[in-house]
Structures are given as structure tokens and as C-alpha cells.
Amino acid sequence: MSPPVASRLLRRFRAPDLELSTREIEILERVAEGRANREISRALFIGEATAKTHLAHIYEKLGVDNRTAAVRASVAMSRAPGMSRTPDSGHCSVQPHGGGASPA
């Protein structure tokens, strides 16, 4: 196994809870719409460098290295058991599924 892959796997095991901030979710939603960094930054009233920084954090948290993989990972996670978005905290997190019957 290559060192970058091994490092990514270790990070995932050390931090099993994945949390995207509200802003990261907003960025990712616009990426999914096919918007460029400049369009995203203008829509959210942030600098383009800030949008890129948020993307870098999203990639790190999702364990991916490009926009397409980030969108794919977020879609897969949203369908996974245990996926929740907590409106009060403004974060999206994945918690381990406790087993048993899935919620209706």
C-alpha cells in the first residue's frame, strides 16, 4: 500500500466522525451544481481563495482529491444509514449505524 493511501486510511480510523461545516456544505452543493470557484465565491460573498480553502478541507474530510469524487462521496454518504444533518449545529455528520431496523 502506498504511503499516501495508508496515511488517508489511518486518518479515517483516528477520526471516525465526519463533520462538514455549514459553509462546506454550501460550497459542496454549488460544486455539485457544476459551478466554478469564482461563481461559488461570488454567490457566497467570500473570496475565491477562501472557497478553495473550504474545498481543500472538504477533500481532506471526505478523503478525496477532486471535485467529482467529493460530490460522489457526499451523495453516497447521504444515502448511508446513520447520516444526519443537524440544523442546530450547522454540521453534517456520519455516525456509526447501531444496527437493527432502519428508521422509517
PDB file of N, CA and C in Angstrom:
ATOM      1  N   MET A   1       0.852  -1.167   0.000  1.00  0.00           N
ATOM      2  CA  MET A   1       0.000   0.000   0.000  1.00  0.00           C
ATOM      3  C   MET A   1       0.902   1.235   0.000  1.00  0.00           C
ATOM      4  N   SER A   2       0.556   2.204  -0.817  1.00  0.00           N
ATOM      5  CA  SER A   2       1.384   3.404  -0.920  1.00  0.00           C
ATOM      6  C   SER A   2       1.253   4.249   0.349  1.00  0.00           C
ATOM      7  N   PRO A   3       2.278   5.011   0.690  1.00  0.00           N
ATOM      8  CA  PRO A   3       2.223   5.845   1.897  1.00  0.00           C
ATOM      9  C   PRO A   3       1.042   6.825   1.923  1.00  0.00           C
ATOM     10  N   PRO A   4       0.698   7.505   0.805  1.00  0.00           N
ATOM     11  CA  PRO A   4      -0.456   8.410   0.870  1.00  0.00           C
ATOM     12  C   PRO A   4      -1.767   7.684   1.172  1.00  0.00           C
ATOM     13  N   VAL A   5      -1.950   6.502   0.607  1.00  0.00           N
ATOM     14  CA  VAL A   5      -3.169   5.738   0.854  1.00  0.00           C
ATOM     15  C   VAL A   5      -3.203   5.263   2.300  1.00  0.00           C
ATOM     16  N   ALA A   6      -2.087   4.770   2.794  1.00  0.00           N
ATOM     17  CA  ALA A   6      -2.007   4.316   4.182  1.00  0.00           C
ATOM     18  C   ALA A   6      -2.288   5.474   5.141  1.00  0.00           C
ATOM     19  N   SER A   7      -1.747   6.633   4.843  1.00  0.00           N
ATOM     20  CA  SER A   7      -1.971   7.818   5.681  1.00  0.00           C
ATOM     21  C   SER A   7      -3.441   8.205   5.705  1.00  0.00           C
ATOM     22  N   ARG A   8      -4.085   8.163   4.548  1.00  0.00           N
ATOM     23  CA  ARG A   8      -5.505   8.509   4.458  1.00  0.00           C
ATOM     24  C   ARG A   8      -6.357   7.530   5.272  1.00  0.00           C
ATOM     25  N   LEU A   9      -6.036   6.248   5.187  1.00  0.00           N
ATOM     26  CA  LEU A   9      -6.778   5.241   5.941  1.00  0.00           C
ATOM     27  C   LEU A   9      -6.609   5.436   7.450  1.00  0.00           C
ATOM     28  N   LEU A  10      -5.390   5.736   7.880  1.00  0.00           N
ATOM     29  CA  LEU A  10      -5.150   5.975   9.304  1.00  0.00           C
ATOM     30  C   LEU A  10      -5.941   7.175   9.805  1.00  0.00           C
ATOM     31  N   ARG A  11      -5.991   8.251   9.007  1.00  0.00           N
ATOM     32  CA  ARG A  11      -6.760   9.429   9.405  1.00  0.00           C
ATOM     33  C   ARG A  11      -8.239   9.084   9.568  1.00  0.00           C
ATOM     34  N   ARG A  12      -8.754   8.256   8.682  1.00  0.00           N
ATOM     35  CA  ARG A  12     -10.168   7.876   8.760  1.00  0.00           C
ATOM     36  C   ARG A  12     -10.462   7.075  10.024  1.00  0.00           C
ATOM     37  N   PHE A  13      -9.542   6.198  10.419  1.00  0.00           N
ATOM     38  CA  PHE A  13      -9.760   5.398  11.626  1.00  0.00           C
ATOM     39  C   PHE A  13      -9.582   6.227  12.889  1.00  0.00           C
ATOM     40  N   ARG A  14      -8.711   7.201  12.843  1.00  0.00           N
ATOM     41  CA  ARG A  14      -8.487   8.045  14.019  1.00  0.00           C
ATOM     42  C   ARG A  14      -9.641   9.016  14.237  1.00  0.00           C
ATOM     43  N   ALA A  15     -10.289   9.446  13.188  1.00  0.00           N
ATOM     44  CA  ALA A  15     -11.389  10.416  13.284  1.00  0.00           C
ATOM     45  C   ALA A  15     -12.624   9.846  12.587  1.00  0.00           C
ATOM     46  N   PRO A  16     -13.328   8.914  13.248  1.00  0.00           N
ATOM     47  CA  PRO A  16     -14.449   8.255  12.589  1.00  0.00           C
ATOM     48  C   PRO A  16     -15.644   9.168  12.326  1.00  0.00           C
ATOM     49  N   ASP A  17     -15.812  10.242  13.120  1.00  0.00           N
ATOM     50  CA  ASP A  17     -16.918  11.159  12.885  1.00  0.00           C
ATOM     51  C   ASP A  17     -16.514  12.177  11.835  1.00  0.00           C
ATOM     52  N   LEU A  18     -17.279  12.229  10.799  1.00  0.00           N
ATOM     53  CA  LEU A  18     -17.027  13.157   9.709  1.00  0.00           C
ATOM     54  C   LEU A  18     -17.963  14.331   9.875  1.00  0.00           C
ATOM     55  N   GLU A  19     -17.423  15.517   9.936  1.00  0.00           N
ATOM     56  CA  GLU A  19     -18.277  16.691  10.056  1.00  0.00           C
ATOM     57  C   GLU A  19     -17.908  17.722   9.011  1.00  0.00           C
ATOM     58  N   LEU A  20     -18.899  18.125   8.229  1.00  0.00           N
ATOM     59  CA  LEU A  20     -18.738  19.231   7.307  1.00  0.00           C
ATOM     60  C   LEU A  20     -19.474  20.420   7.903  1.00  0.00           C
ATOM     61  N   SER A  21     -18.828  21.578   7.887  1.00  0.00           N
ATOM     62  CA  SER A  21     -19.481  22.775   8.410  1.00  0.00           C
ATOM     63  C   SER A  21     -20.588  23.206   7.450  1.00  0.00           C
ATOM     64  N   THR A  22     -21.418  24.100   7.922  1.00  0.00           N
ATOM     65  CA  THR A  22     -22.487  24.638   7.080  1.00  0.00           C
ATOM     66  C   THR A  22     -21.904  25.245   5.817  1.00  0.00           C
ATOM     67  N   ARG A  23     -20.832  25.996   5.942  1.00  0.00           N
ATOM     68  CA  ARG A  23     -20.213  26.642   4.777  1.00  0.00           C
ATOM     69  C   ARG A  23     -19.661  25.590   3.822  1.00  0.00           C
ATOM     70  N   GLU A  24     -19.045  24.555   4.350  1.00  0.00           N
ATOM     71  CA  GLU A  24     -18.528  23.490   3.487  1.00  0.00           C
ATOM     72  C   GLU A  24     -19.659  22.801   2.731  1.00  0.00           C
ATOM     73  N   ILE A  25     -20.787  22.617   3.394  1.00  0.00           N
ATOM     74  CA  ILE A  25     -21.940  22.021   2.724  1.00  0.00           C
ATOM     75  C   ILE A  25     -22.426  22.944   1.612  1.00  0.00           C
ATOM     76  N   GLU A  26     -22.476  24.248   1.883  1.00  0.00           N
ATOM     77  CA  GLU A  26     -22.892  25.217   0.853  1.00  0.00           C
ATOM     78  C   GLU A  26     -21.952  25.174  -0.346  1.00  0.00           C
ATOM     79  N   ILE A  27     -20.670  25.086  -0.079  1.00  0.00           N
ATOM     80  CA  ILE A  27     -19.670  25.007  -1.154  1.00  0.00           C
ATOM     81  C   ILE A  27     -19.898  23.729  -1.951  1.00  0.00           C
ATOM     82  N   LEU A  28     -20.038  22.611  -1.257  1.00  0.00           N
ATOM     83  CA  LEU A  28     -20.199  21.321  -1.916  1.00  0.00           C
ATOM     84  C   LEU A  28     -21.477  21.269  -2.752  1.00  0.00           C
ATOM     85  N   GLU A  29     -22.543  21.882  -2.267  1.00  0.00           N
ATOM     86  CA  GLU A  29     -23.782  21.931  -3.045  1.00  0.00           C
ATOM     87  C   GLU A  29     -23.573  22.675  -4.355  1.00  0.00           C
ATOM     88  N   ARG A  30     -22.820  23.751  -4.315  1.00  0.00           N
ATOM     89  CA  ARG A  30     -22.560  24.518  -5.536  1.00  0.00           C
ATOM     90  C   ARG A  30     -21.596  23.781  -6.470  1.00  0.00           C
ATOM     91  N   VAL A  31     -20.658  23.053  -5.900  1.00  0.00           N
ATOM     92  CA  VAL A  31     -19.782  22.216  -6.716  1.00  0.00           C
ATOM     93  C   VAL A  31     -20.627  21.178  -7.448  1.00  0.00           C
ATOM     94  N   ALA A  32     -21.596  20.596  -6.745  1.00  0.00           N
ATOM     95  CA  ALA A  32     -22.477  19.593  -7.346  1.00  0.00           C
ATOM     96  C   ALA A  32     -23.307  20.186  -8.482  1.00  0.00           C
ATOM     97  N   GLU A  33     -23.580  21.489  -8.405  1.00  0.00           N
ATOM     98  CA  GLU A  33     -24.316  22.179  -9.472  1.00  0.00           C
ATOM     99  C   GLU A  33     -23.419  22.486 -10.671  1.00  0.00           C
ATOM    100  N   GLY A  34     -22.125  22.234 -10.532  1.00  0.00           N
ATOM    101  CA  GLY A  34     -21.190  22.473 -11.629  1.00  0.00           C
ATOM    102  C   GLY A  34     -20.602  23.873 -11.659  1.00  0.00           C
ATOM    103  N   ARG A  35     -20.731  24.588 -10.560  1.00  0.00           N
ATOM    104  CA  ARG A  35     -20.211  25.958 -10.517  1.00  0.00           C
ATOM    105  C   ARG A  35     -18.697  25.987 -10.323  1.00  0.00           C
ATOM    106  N   ALA A  36     -18.074  26.975 -10.920  1.00  0.00           N
ATOM    107  CA  ALA A  36     -16.627  27.195 -10.788  1.00  0.00           C
ATOM    108  C   ALA A  36     -16.353  27.918  -9.472  1.00  0.00           C
ATOM    109  N   ASN A  37     -15.111  27.892  -9.018  1.00  0.00           N
ATOM    110  CA  ASN A  37     -14.738  28.545  -7.763  1.00  0.00           C
ATOM    111  C   ASN A  37     -15.126  30.021  -7.754  1.00  0.00           C
ATOM    112  N   ARG A  38     -14.925  30.695  -8.852  1.00  0.00           N
ATOM    113  CA  ARG A  38     -15.256  32.124  -8.930  1.00  0.00           C
ATOM    114  C   ARG A  38     -16.761  32.330  -8.724  1.00  0.00           C
ATOM    115  N   GLU A  39     -17.577  31.491  -9.358  1.00  0.00           N
ATOM    116  CA  GLU A  39     -19.030  31.596  -9.203  1.00  0.00           C
ATOM    117  C   GLU A  39     -19.443  31.309  -7.759  1.00  0.00           C
ATOM    118  N   ILE A  40     -18.819  30.310  -7.166  1.00  0.00           N
ATOM    119  CA  ILE A  40     -19.122  29.953  -5.780  1.00  0.00           C
ATOM    120  C   ILE A  40     -18.779  31.111  -4.858  1.00  0.00           C
ATOM    121  N   SER A  41     -17.600  31.669  -5.037  1.00  0.00           N
ATOM    122  CA  SER A  41     -17.173  32.756  -4.152  1.00  0.00           C
ATOM    123  C   SER A  41     -18.084  33.970  -4.283  1.00  0.00           C
ATOM    124  N   ARG A  42     -18.510  34.288  -5.479  1.00  0.00           N
ATOM    125  CA  ARG A  42     -19.417  35.428  -5.665  1.00  0.00           C
ATOM    126  C   ARG A  42     -20.781  35.151  -5.045  1.00  0.00           C
ATOM    127  N   ALA A  43     -21.289  33.938  -5.216  1.00  0.00           N
ATOM    128  CA  ALA A  43     -22.610  33.595  -4.683  1.00  0.00           C
ATOM    129  C   ALA A  43     -22.631  33.624  -3.160  1.00  0.00           C
ATOM    130  N   LEU A  44     -21.507  33.274  -2.535  1.00  0.00           N
ATOM    131  CA  LEU A  44     -21.448  33.189  -1.075  1.00  0.00           C
ATOM    132  C   LEU A  44     -20.772  34.404  -0.434  1.00  0.00           C
ATOM    133  N   PHE A  45     -20.397  35.381  -1.263  1.00  0.00           N
ATOM    134  CA  PHE A  45     -19.769  36.613  -0.781  1.00  0.00           C
ATOM    135  C   PHE A  45     -18.493  36.336   0.004  1.00  0.00           C
ATOM    136  N   ILE A  46     -17.664  35.468  -0.559  1.00  0.00           N
ATOM    137  CA  ILE A  46     -16.359  35.160   0.024  1.00  0.00           C
ATOM    138  C   ILE A  46     -15.320  35.284  -1.079  1.00  0.00           C
ATOM    139  N   GLY A  47     -14.065  35.339  -0.712  1.00  0.00           N
ATOM    140  CA  GLY A  47     -13.003  35.396  -1.694  1.00  0.00           C
ATOM    141  C   GLY A  47     -12.815  34.046  -2.377  1.00  0.00           C
ATOM    142  N   GLU A  48     -12.273  34.092  -3.579  1.00  0.00           N
ATOM    143  CA  GLU A  48     -12.038  32.845  -4.308  1.00  0.00           C
ATOM    144  C   GLU A  48     -11.046  31.954  -3.570  1.00  0.00           C
ATOM    145  N   ALA A  49     -10.036  32.558  -2.942  1.00  0.00           N
ATOM    146  CA  ALA A  49      -9.066  31.779  -2.169  1.00  0.00           C
ATOM    147  C   ALA A  49      -9.745  31.092  -0.981  1.00  0.00           C
ATOM    148  N   THR A  50     -10.723  31.757  -0.388  1.00  0.00           N
ATOM    149  CA  THR A  50     -11.461  31.165   0.728  1.00  0.00           C
ATOM    150  C   THR A  50     -12.275  29.967   0.246  1.00  0.00           C
ATOM    151  N   ALA A  51     -12.900  30.100  -0.910  1.00  0.00           N
ATOM    152  CA  ALA A  51     -13.657  28.974  -1.488  1.00  0.00           C
ATOM    153  C   ALA A  51     -12.729  27.787  -1.725  1.00  0.00           C
ATOM    154  N   LYS A  52     -11.531  28.059  -2.230  1.00  0.00           N
ATOM    155  CA  LYS A  52     -10.561  26.987  -2.484  1.00  0.00           C
ATOM    156  C   LYS A  52     -10.111  26.339  -1.177  1.00  0.00           C
ATOM    157  N   THR A  53      -9.955  27.137  -0.131  1.00  0.00           N
ATOM    158  CA  THR A  53      -9.571  26.594   1.164  1.00  0.00           C
ATOM    159  C   THR A  53     -10.663  25.683   1.702  1.00  0.00           C
ATOM    160  N   HIS A  54     -11.922  26.115   1.578  1.00  0.00           N
ATOM    161  CA  HIS A  54     -13.036  25.260   2.002  1.00  0.00           C
ATOM    162  C   HIS A  54     -13.031  23.949   1.212  1.00  0.00           C
ATOM    163  N   LEU A  55     -12.777  24.026  -0.086  1.00  0.00           N
ATOM    164  CA  LEU A  55     -12.713  22.814  -0.913  1.00  0.00           C
ATOM    165  C   LEU A  55     -11.607  21.884  -0.430  1.00  0.00           C
ATOM    166  N   ALA A  56     -10.462  22.446  -0.099  1.00  0.00           N
ATOM    167  CA  ALA A  56      -9.355  21.621   0.401  1.00  0.00           C
ATOM    168  C   ALA A  56      -9.757  20.906   1.685  1.00  0.00           C
ATOM    169  N   HIS A  57     -10.479  21.608   2.561  1.00  0.00           N
ATOM    170  CA  HIS A  57     -10.942  20.983   3.809  1.00  0.00           C
ATOM    171  C   HIS A  57     -11.965  19.890   3.522  1.00  0.00           C
ATOM    172  N   ILE A  58     -12.843  20.135   2.555  1.00  0.00           N
ATOM    173  CA  ILE A  58     -13.838  19.130   2.157  1.00  0.00           C
ATOM    174  C   ILE A  58     -13.132  17.884   1.637  1.00  0.00           C
ATOM    175  N   TYR A  59     -12.155  18.076   0.758  1.00  0.00           N
ATOM    176  CA  TYR A  59     -11.416  16.937   0.198  1.00  0.00           C
ATOM    177  C   TYR A  59     -10.764  16.123   1.312  1.00  0.00           C
ATOM    178  N   GLU A  60     -10.155  16.825   2.264  1.00  0.00           N
ATOM    179  CA  GLU A  60      -9.469  16.150   3.367  1.00  0.00           C
ATOM    180  C   GLU A  60     -10.467  15.346   4.203  1.00  0.00           C
ATOM    181  N   LYS A  61     -11.584  15.964   4.537  1.00  0.00           N
ATOM    182  CA  LYS A  61     -12.582  15.299   5.376  1.00  0.00           C
ATOM    183  C   LYS A  61     -13.218  14.104   4.674  1.00  0.00           C
ATOM    184  N   LEU A  62     -13.408  14.213   3.366  1.00  0.00           N
ATOM    185  CA  LEU A  62     -14.032  13.122   2.620  1.00  0.00           C
ATOM    186  C   LEU A  62     -13.018  12.102   2.104  1.00  0.00           C
ATOM    187  N   GLY A  63     -11.733  12.421   2.224  1.00  0.00           N
ATOM    188  CA  GLY A  63     -10.693  11.501   1.760  1.00  0.00           C
ATOM    189  C   GLY A  63     -10.638  11.390   0.250  1.00  0.00           C
ATOM    190  N   VAL A  64     -10.853  12.511  -0.429  1.00  0.00           N
ATOM    191  CA  VAL A  64     -10.835  12.530  -1.894  1.00  0.00           C
ATOM    192  C   VAL A  64      -9.841  13.584  -2.375  1.00  0.00           C
ATOM    193  N   ASP A  65      -9.641  13.633  -3.699  1.00  0.00           N
ATOM    194  CA  ASP A  65      -8.683  14.610  -4.206  1.00  0.00           C
ATOM    195  C   ASP A  65      -9.199  15.424  -5.394  1.00  0.00           C
ATOM    196  N   ASN A  66     -10.510  15.373  -5.661  1.00  0.00           N
ATOM    197  CA  ASN A  66     -11.054  16.207  -6.725  1.00  0.00           C
ATOM    198  C   ASN A  66     -12.546  16.454  -6.512  1.00  0.00           C
ATOM    199  N   ARG A  67     -13.073  17.393  -7.292  1.00  0.00           N
ATOM    200  CA  ARG A  67     -14.466  17.832  -7.142  1.00  0.00           C
ATOM    201  C   ARG A  67     -15.457  16.700  -7.385  1.00  0.00           C
ATOM    202  N   THR A  68     -15.229  15.947  -8.439  1.00  0.00           N
ATOM    203  CA  THR A  68     -16.148  14.866  -8.792  1.00  0.00           C
ATOM    204  C   THR A  68     -16.214  13.832  -7.682  1.00  0.00           C
ATOM    205  N   ALA A  69     -15.062  13.452  -7.157  1.00  0.00           N
ATOM    206  CA  ALA A  69     -15.021  12.458  -6.077  1.00  0.00           C
ATOM    207  C   ALA A  69     -15.697  12.999  -4.814  1.00  0.00           C
ATOM    208  N   ALA A  70     -15.555  14.297  -4.552  1.00  0.00           N
ATOM    209  CA  ALA A  70     -16.195  14.895  -3.381  1.00  0.00           C
ATOM    210  C   ALA A  70     -17.714  14.821  -3.493  1.00  0.00           C
ATOM    211  N   VAL A  71     -18.237  15.149  -4.667  1.00  0.00           N
ATOM    212  CA  VAL A  71     -19.684  15.084  -4.873  1.00  0.00           C
ATOM    213  C   VAL A  71     -20.163  13.640  -4.764  1.00  0.00           C
ATOM    214  N   ARG A  72     -19.429  12.741  -5.389  1.00  0.00           N
ATOM    215  CA  ARG A  72     -19.785  11.319  -5.337  1.00  0.00           C
ATOM    216  C   ARG A  72     -19.808  10.817  -3.892  1.00  0.00           C
ATOM    217  N   ALA A  73     -18.800  11.182  -3.115  1.00  0.00           N
ATOM    218  CA  ALA A  73     -18.720  10.742  -1.721  1.00  0.00           C
ATOM    219  C   ALA A  73     -19.873  11.319  -0.905  1.00  0.00           C
ATOM    220  N   SER A  74     -20.217  12.570  -1.143  1.00  0.00           N
ATOM    221  CA  SER A  74     -21.303  13.174  -0.365  1.00  0.00           C
ATOM    222  C   SER A  74     -22.645  12.545  -0.710  1.00  0.00           C
ATOM    223  N   VAL A  75     -22.847  12.201  -1.972  1.00  0.00           N
ATOM    224  CA  VAL A  75     -24.086  11.537  -2.375  1.00  0.00           C
ATOM    225  C   VAL A  75     -24.157  10.157  -1.734  1.00  0.00           C
ATOM    226  N   ALA A  76     -23.060   9.433  -1.749  1.00  0.00           N
ATOM    227  CA  ALA A  76     -23.026   8.094  -1.154  1.00  0.00           C
ATOM    228  C   ALA A  76     -23.294   8.170   0.342  1.00  0.00           C
ATOM    229  N   MET A  77     -22.710   9.161   1.020  1.00  0.00           N
ATOM    230  CA  MET A  77     -22.906   9.303   2.461  1.00  0.00           C
ATOM    231  C   MET A  77     -24.334   9.686   2.794  1.00  0.00           C
ATOM    232  N   SER A  78     -24.957  10.491   1.961  1.00  0.00           N
ATOM    233  CA  SER A  78     -26.320  10.919   2.269  1.00  0.00           C
ATOM    234  C   SER A  78     -27.307   9.765   2.169  1.00  0.00           C
ATOM    235  N   ARG A  79     -26.923   8.716   1.482  1.00  0.00           N
ATOM    236  CA  ARG A  79     -27.766   7.530   1.368  1.00  0.00           C
ATOM    237  C   ARG A  79     -27.431   6.483   2.413  1.00  0.00           C
ATOM    238  N   ALA A  80     -26.352   6.697   3.147  1.00  0.00           N
ATOM    239  CA  ALA A  80     -25.884   5.700   4.112  1.00  0.00           C
ATOM    240  C   ALA A  80     -26.698   5.758   5.396  1.00  0.00           C
ATOM    241  N   PRO A  81     -26.912   4.598   6.035  1.00  0.00           N
ATOM    242  CA  PRO A  81     -27.583   4.591   7.339  1.00  0.00           C
ATOM    243  C   PRO A  81     -26.763   5.399   8.335  1.00  0.00           C
ATOM    244  N   GLY A  82     -27.422   6.144   9.180  1.00  0.00           N
ATOM    245  CA  GLY A  82     -26.723   6.918  10.196  1.00  0.00           C
ATOM    246  C   GLY A  82     -26.352   8.313   9.752  1.00  0.00           C
ATOM    247  N   MET A  83     -26.670   8.683   8.528  1.00  0.00           N
ATOM    248  CA  MET A  83     -26.347  10.020   8.045  1.00  0.00           C
ATOM    249  C   MET A  83     -27.315  11.008   8.659  1.00  0.00           C
ATOM    250  N   SER A  84     -26.782  12.084   9.178  1.00  0.00           N
ATOM    251  CA  SER A  84     -27.659  13.096   9.740  1.00  0.00           C
ATOM    252  C   SER A  84     -27.087  14.479   9.491  1.00  0.00           C
ATOM    253  N   ARG A  85     -27.988  15.423   9.336  1.00  0.00           N
ATOM    254  CA  ARG A  85     -27.592  16.818   9.256  1.00  0.00           C
ATOM    255  C   ARG A  85     -28.313  17.520  10.380  1.00  0.00           C
ATOM    256  N   THR A  86     -27.550  18.065  11.287  1.00  0.00           N
ATOM    257  CA  THR A  86     -28.117  18.693  12.455  1.00  0.00           C
ATOM    258  C   THR A  86     -28.275  20.176  12.196  1.00  0.00           C
ATOM    259  N   PRO A  87     -29.507  20.657  11.988  1.00  0.00           N
ATOM    260  CA  PRO A  87     -29.711  22.064  11.679  1.00  0.00           C
ATOM    261  C   PRO A  87     -29.218  22.991  12.771  1.00  0.00           C
ATOM    262  N   ASP A  88     -29.355  22.595  14.044  1.00  0.00           N
ATOM    263  CA  ASP A  88     -28.933  23.457  15.140  1.00  0.00           C
ATOM    264  C   ASP A  88     -27.432  23.713  15.123  1.00  0.00           C
ATOM    265  N   SER A  89     -26.662  22.683  14.835  1.00  0.00           N
ATOM    266  CA  SER A  89     -25.207  22.840  14.879  1.00  0.00           C
ATOM    267  C   SER A  89     -24.648  23.348  13.566  1.00  0.00           C
ATOM    268  N   GLY A  90     -25.425  23.202  12.485  1.00  0.00           N
ATOM    269  CA  GLY A  90     -24.915  23.619  11.193  1.00  0.00           C
ATOM    270  C   GLY A  90     -23.880  22.675  10.646  1.00  0.00           C
ATOM    271  N   HIS A  91     -23.850  21.457  11.153  1.00  0.00           N
ATOM    272  CA  HIS A  91     -22.879  20.473  10.691  1.00  0.00           C
ATOM    273  C   HIS A  91     -23.588  19.253  10.128  1.00  0.00           C
ATOM    274  N   CYS A  92     -22.881  18.585   9.265  1.00  0.00           N
ATOM    275  CA  CYS A  92     -23.365  17.328   8.697  1.00  0.00           C
ATOM    276  C   CYS A  92     -22.408  16.260   9.185  1.00  0.00           C
ATOM    277  N   SER A  93     -22.939  15.217   9.786  1.00  0.00           N
ATOM    278  CA  SER A  93     -22.031  14.211  10.318  1.00  0.00           C
ATOM    279  C   SER A  93     -22.537  12.818  10.036  1.00  0.00           C
ATOM    280  N   VAL A  94     -21.602  11.900  10.021  1.00  0.00           N
ATOM    281  CA  VAL A  94     -21.924  10.488   9.847  1.00  0.00           C
ATOM    282  C   VAL A  94     -21.571   9.792  11.141  1.00  0.00           C
ATOM    283  N   GLN A  95     -22.537   9.143  11.726  1.00  0.00           N
ATOM    284  CA  GLN A  95     -22.330   8.384  12.947  1.00  0.00           C
ATOM    285  C   GLN A  95     -22.447   6.915  12.603  1.00  0.00           C
ATOM    286  N   PRO A  96     -21.735   6.038  13.296  1.00  0.00           N
ATOM    287  CA  PRO A  96     -21.869   4.605  13.034  1.00  0.00           C
ATOM    288  C   PRO A  96     -23.311   4.163  13.235  1.00  0.00           C
ATOM    289  N   HIS A  97     -23.784   3.320  12.372  1.00  0.00           N
ATOM    290  CA  HIS A  97     -25.155   2.820  12.451  1.00  0.00           C
ATOM    291  C   HIS A  97     -25.224   1.776  13.547  1.00  0.00           C
ATOM    292  N   GLY A  98     -26.229   1.890  14.382  1.00  0.00           N
ATOM    293  CA  GLY A  98     -26.340   0.998  15.536  1.00  0.00           C
ATOM    294  C   GLY A  98     -26.883  -0.364  15.208  1.00  0.00           C
ATOM    295  N   GLY A  99     -27.240  -0.635  13.967  1.00  0.00           N
ATOM    296  CA  GLY A  99     -27.773  -1.928  13.605  1.00  0.00           C
ATOM    297  C   GLY A  99     -29.270  -1.977  13.838  1.00  0.00           C
ATOM    298  N   GLY A 100     -29.848  -3.129  13.650  1.00  0.00           N
ATOM    299  CA  GLY A 100     -31.283  -3.295  13.838  1.00  0.00           C
ATOM    300  C   GLY A 100     -32.057  -2.710  12.672  1.00  0.00           C
ATOM    301  N   ALA A 101     -33.319  -2.443  12.907  1.00  0.00           N
ATOM    302  CA  ALA A 101     -34.185  -1.927  11.839  1.00  0.00           C
ATOM    303  C   ALA A 101     -33.797  -0.500  11.505  1.00  0.00           C
ATOM    304  N   SER A 102     -33.831  -0.176  10.236  1.00  0.00           N
ATOM    305  CA  SER A 102     -33.503   1.185   9.837  1.00  0.00           C
ATOM    306  C   SER A 102     -34.719   2.078  10.051  1.00  0.00           C
ATOM    307  N   PRO A 103     -34.445   3.378  10.338  1.00  0.00           N
ATOM    308  CA  PRO A 103     -35.552   4.297  10.617  1.00  0.00           C
ATOM    309  C   PRO A 103     -36.461   4.463   9.408  1.00  0.00           C
ATOM    310  N   ALA A 104     -37.728   4.654   9.662  1.00  0.00           N
ATOM    311  CA  ALA A 104     -38.710   4.791   8.578  1.00  0.00           C
ATOM    312  C   ALA A 104     -38.712   6.173   8.001  1.00  0.00           C
TER     313      ALA A 104
END
